[in-house]
Amino acid sequence: MFPFWGNACYGSEPISRKAGLERKLKFLIWMRDDLESRLAGINASIETIRQQIERSDSAA
């Protein structure tokens, strides 16, 4: 899934299995946190648009 981790072709030194797993875990947690931030922004945009639609419906 992540062939570049611990791969000598990418200039990294051989690492222990535990160190490789810890690196993967750190990366996946970072990805999750980033996606949560993006999702929060999308949800806020959706809510804003819904409110704008409701206001335009009530004004018309």
N, C-alpha and C. Protein backbone atom coordinates (compact mmCIF):
# COMPACT_ATOMS: atom_id res chain seq x y z
N MET A 1 0.82 -1.19 0.00
CA MET A 1 0.00 0.00 0.00
C MET A 1 0.86 1.26 0.00
N PHE A 2 1.92 1.26 0.78
CA PHE A 2 2.83 2.39 0.85
C PHE A 2 4.24 1.88 0.55
N PRO A 3 4.56 1.64 -0.70
CA PRO A 3 5.83 1.00 -1.04
C PRO A 3 7.06 1.85 -0.73
N PHE A 4 6.89 3.16 -0.55
CA PHE A 4 8.06 4.01 -0.35
C PHE A 4 8.59 3.99 1.07
N TRP A 5 7.85 3.44 2.02
CA TRP A 5 8.31 3.42 3.40
C TRP A 5 9.30 2.29 3.59
N GLY A 6 10.50 2.65 4.02
CA GLY A 6 11.51 1.66 4.30
C GLY A 6 12.12 1.05 3.06
N ASN A 7 11.89 1.65 1.92
CA ASN A 7 12.40 1.13 0.67
C ASN A 7 13.75 1.78 0.39
N ALA A 8 14.78 0.95 0.20
CA ALA A 8 16.14 1.46 -0.02
C ALA A 8 16.24 2.29 -1.29
N CYS A 9 15.35 2.07 -2.24
CA CYS A 9 15.37 2.85 -3.49
C CYS A 9 15.10 4.32 -3.25
N TYR A 10 14.49 4.64 -2.17
CA TYR A 10 14.16 6.02 -1.85
C TYR A 10 15.17 6.64 -0.89
N GLY A 11 16.30 6.01 -0.71
CA GLY A 11 17.38 6.58 0.07
C GLY A 11 17.27 6.42 1.57
N SER A 12 16.32 5.63 2.03
CA SER A 12 16.19 5.47 3.48
C SER A 12 17.01 4.26 3.94
N GLU A 13 17.45 4.35 5.16
CA GLU A 13 18.15 3.24 5.77
C GLU A 13 17.15 2.15 6.13
N PRO A 14 17.58 0.90 6.15
CA PRO A 14 16.66 -0.15 6.61
C PRO A 14 16.20 0.16 8.03
N ILE A 15 14.91 -0.01 8.27
CA ILE A 15 14.37 0.28 9.60
C ILE A 15 13.68 -0.95 10.14
N SER A 16 13.51 -0.98 11.44
CA SER A 16 12.85 -2.12 12.06
C SER A 16 11.38 -2.14 11.69
N ARG A 17 10.77 -3.29 11.85
CA ARG A 17 9.34 -3.41 11.56
C ARG A 17 8.54 -2.45 12.43
N LYS A 18 8.90 -2.37 13.72
CA LYS A 18 8.18 -1.49 14.63
C LYS A 18 8.30 -0.04 14.19
N ALA A 19 9.50 0.38 13.82
CA ALA A 19 9.70 1.77 13.38
C ALA A 19 8.91 2.05 12.11
N GLY A 20 8.85 1.08 11.22
CA GLY A 20 8.07 1.25 10.00
C GLY A 20 6.59 1.38 10.28
N LEU A 21 6.09 0.56 11.20
CA LEU A 21 4.68 0.64 11.57
C LEU A 21 4.36 1.96 12.26
N GLU A 22 5.28 2.43 13.11
CA GLU A 22 5.06 3.71 13.78
C GLU A 22 5.04 4.85 12.78
N ARG A 23 5.89 4.77 11.75
CA ARG A 23 5.91 5.80 10.71
C ARG A 23 4.59 5.79 9.93
N LYS A 24 4.12 4.59 9.60
CA LYS A 24 2.84 4.47 8.90
C LYS A 24 1.70 5.02 9.75
N LEU A 25 1.69 4.68 11.03
CA LEU A 25 0.65 5.15 11.94
C LEU A 25 0.63 6.67 12.01
N LYS A 26 1.81 7.27 12.14
CA LYS A 26 1.90 8.73 12.21
C LYS A 26 1.35 9.35 10.92
N PHE A 27 1.71 8.79 9.78
CA PHE A 27 1.24 9.31 8.50
C PHE A 27 -0.27 9.16 8.38
N LEU A 28 -0.81 8.01 8.74
CA LEU A 28 -2.25 7.79 8.63
C LEU A 28 -3.04 8.68 9.58
N ILE A 29 -2.52 8.93 10.76
CA ILE A 29 -3.17 9.85 11.69
C ILE A 29 -3.16 11.26 11.10
N TRP A 30 -2.05 11.65 10.49
CA TRP A 30 -1.98 12.96 9.85
C TRP A 30 -3.02 13.05 8.73
N MET A 31 -3.13 11.99 7.92
CA MET A 31 -4.11 11.98 6.84
C MET A 31 -5.52 12.11 7.39
N ARG A 32 -5.84 11.37 8.45
CA ARG A 32 -7.17 11.43 9.05
C ARG A 32 -7.47 12.83 9.56
N ASP A 33 -6.51 13.43 10.26
CA ASP A 33 -6.72 14.78 10.79
C ASP A 33 -6.94 15.78 9.66
N ASP A 34 -6.19 15.63 8.58
CA ASP A 34 -6.35 16.52 7.44
C ASP A 34 -7.74 16.35 6.82
N LEU A 35 -8.17 15.10 6.66
CA LEU A 35 -9.49 14.85 6.09
C LEU A 35 -10.60 15.36 6.99
N GLU A 36 -10.43 15.23 8.30
CA GLU A 36 -11.43 15.77 9.23
C GLU A 36 -11.55 17.28 9.09
N SER A 37 -10.42 17.95 8.91
CA SER A 37 -10.45 19.40 8.73
C SER A 37 -11.16 19.76 7.43
N ARG A 38 -10.87 19.04 6.37
CA ARG A 38 -11.52 19.30 5.10
C ARG A 38 -13.03 19.04 5.19
N LEU A 39 -13.39 17.95 5.85
CA LEU A 39 -14.80 17.61 6.00
C LEU A 39 -15.54 18.68 6.81
N ALA A 40 -14.91 19.20 7.83
CA ALA A 40 -15.53 20.26 8.63
C ALA A 40 -15.79 21.49 7.76
N GLY A 41 -14.86 21.82 6.89
CA GLY A 41 -15.04 22.94 5.99
C GLY A 41 -16.16 22.71 5.00
N ILE A 42 -16.25 21.50 4.47
CA ILE A 42 -17.32 21.16 3.54
C ILE A 42 -18.67 21.23 4.23
N ASN A 43 -18.74 20.68 5.44
CA ASN A 43 -20.00 20.71 6.19
C ASN A 43 -20.43 22.15 6.48
N ALA A 44 -19.47 23.01 6.80
CA ALA A 44 -19.80 24.42 7.05
C ALA A 44 -20.32 25.08 5.77
N SER A 45 -19.72 24.77 4.65
CA SER A 45 -20.18 25.32 3.37
C SER A 45 -21.59 24.86 3.04
N ILE A 46 -21.86 23.60 3.27
CA ILE A 46 -23.19 23.05 3.01
C ILE A 46 -24.22 23.77 3.88
N GLU A 47 -23.91 23.94 5.14
CA GLU A 47 -24.84 24.61 6.05
C GLU A 47 -25.08 26.06 5.64
N THR A 48 -24.04 26.75 5.22
CA THR A 48 -24.17 28.13 4.77
C THR A 48 -25.08 28.22 3.56
N ILE A 49 -24.90 27.33 2.60
CA ILE A 49 -25.73 27.33 1.40
C ILE A 49 -27.18 27.01 1.75
N ARG A 50 -27.39 26.07 2.65
CA ARG A 50 -28.76 25.76 3.08
C ARG A 50 -29.43 26.98 3.71
N GLN A 51 -28.69 27.69 4.54
CA GLN A 51 -29.24 28.89 5.17
C GLN A 51 -29.57 29.95 4.13
N GLN A 52 -28.71 30.10 3.13
CA GLN A 52 -28.96 31.08 2.08
C GLN A 52 -30.21 30.70 1.29
N ILE A 53 -30.40 29.42 1.03
CA ILE A 53 -31.59 28.97 0.30
C ILE A 53 -32.84 29.24 1.12
N GLU A 54 -32.78 28.94 2.43
CA GLU A 54 -33.93 29.20 3.29
C GLU A 54 -34.27 30.68 3.33
N ARG A 55 -33.26 31.55 3.40
CA ARG A 55 -33.51 32.99 3.42
C ARG A 55 -34.13 33.46 2.10
N SER A 56 -33.63 32.92 0.99
CA SER A 56 -34.19 33.36 -0.30
C SER A 56 -35.60 32.84 -0.48
N ASP A 57 -35.91 31.66 0.05
CA ASP A 57 -37.27 31.14 -0.02
C ASP A 57 -38.24 31.96 0.83
N SER A 58 -37.78 32.38 2.00
CA SER A 58 -38.67 33.15 2.88
C SER A 58 -38.83 34.59 2.40
N ALA A 59 -37.86 35.11 1.68
CA ALA A 59 -37.92 36.49 1.17
C ALA A 59 -38.80 36.56 -0.08
N ALA A 60 -38.94 35.46 -0.77
CA ALA A 60 -39.70 35.48 -2.02
C ALA A 60 -41.18 35.33 -1.81
